[in-house]
């Protein structure tokens, strides 16, 4: 099987599509705004728990939060 790696974080695009701010997402998930900013900038990858919390709020799948690369 090929290796699957994280690509670009799509969180900012998903927030814009839902008309939601990083601050609103922070309040609804309990994840700090600074942590959300790190995810969006690509400086940090989401834990599975964070991805699930965010996906529940955004009504998407956790896998939708990133572009996935197969290598």
Foldseek 3Di string as FASTA:
>chain_A
DFDKDFDAFCVVVLCVVVVHDLVRLCVQQVPDSVVVVCNNVVVDPDDPSSLVSSCVVSVHHSVVRTDMDTD
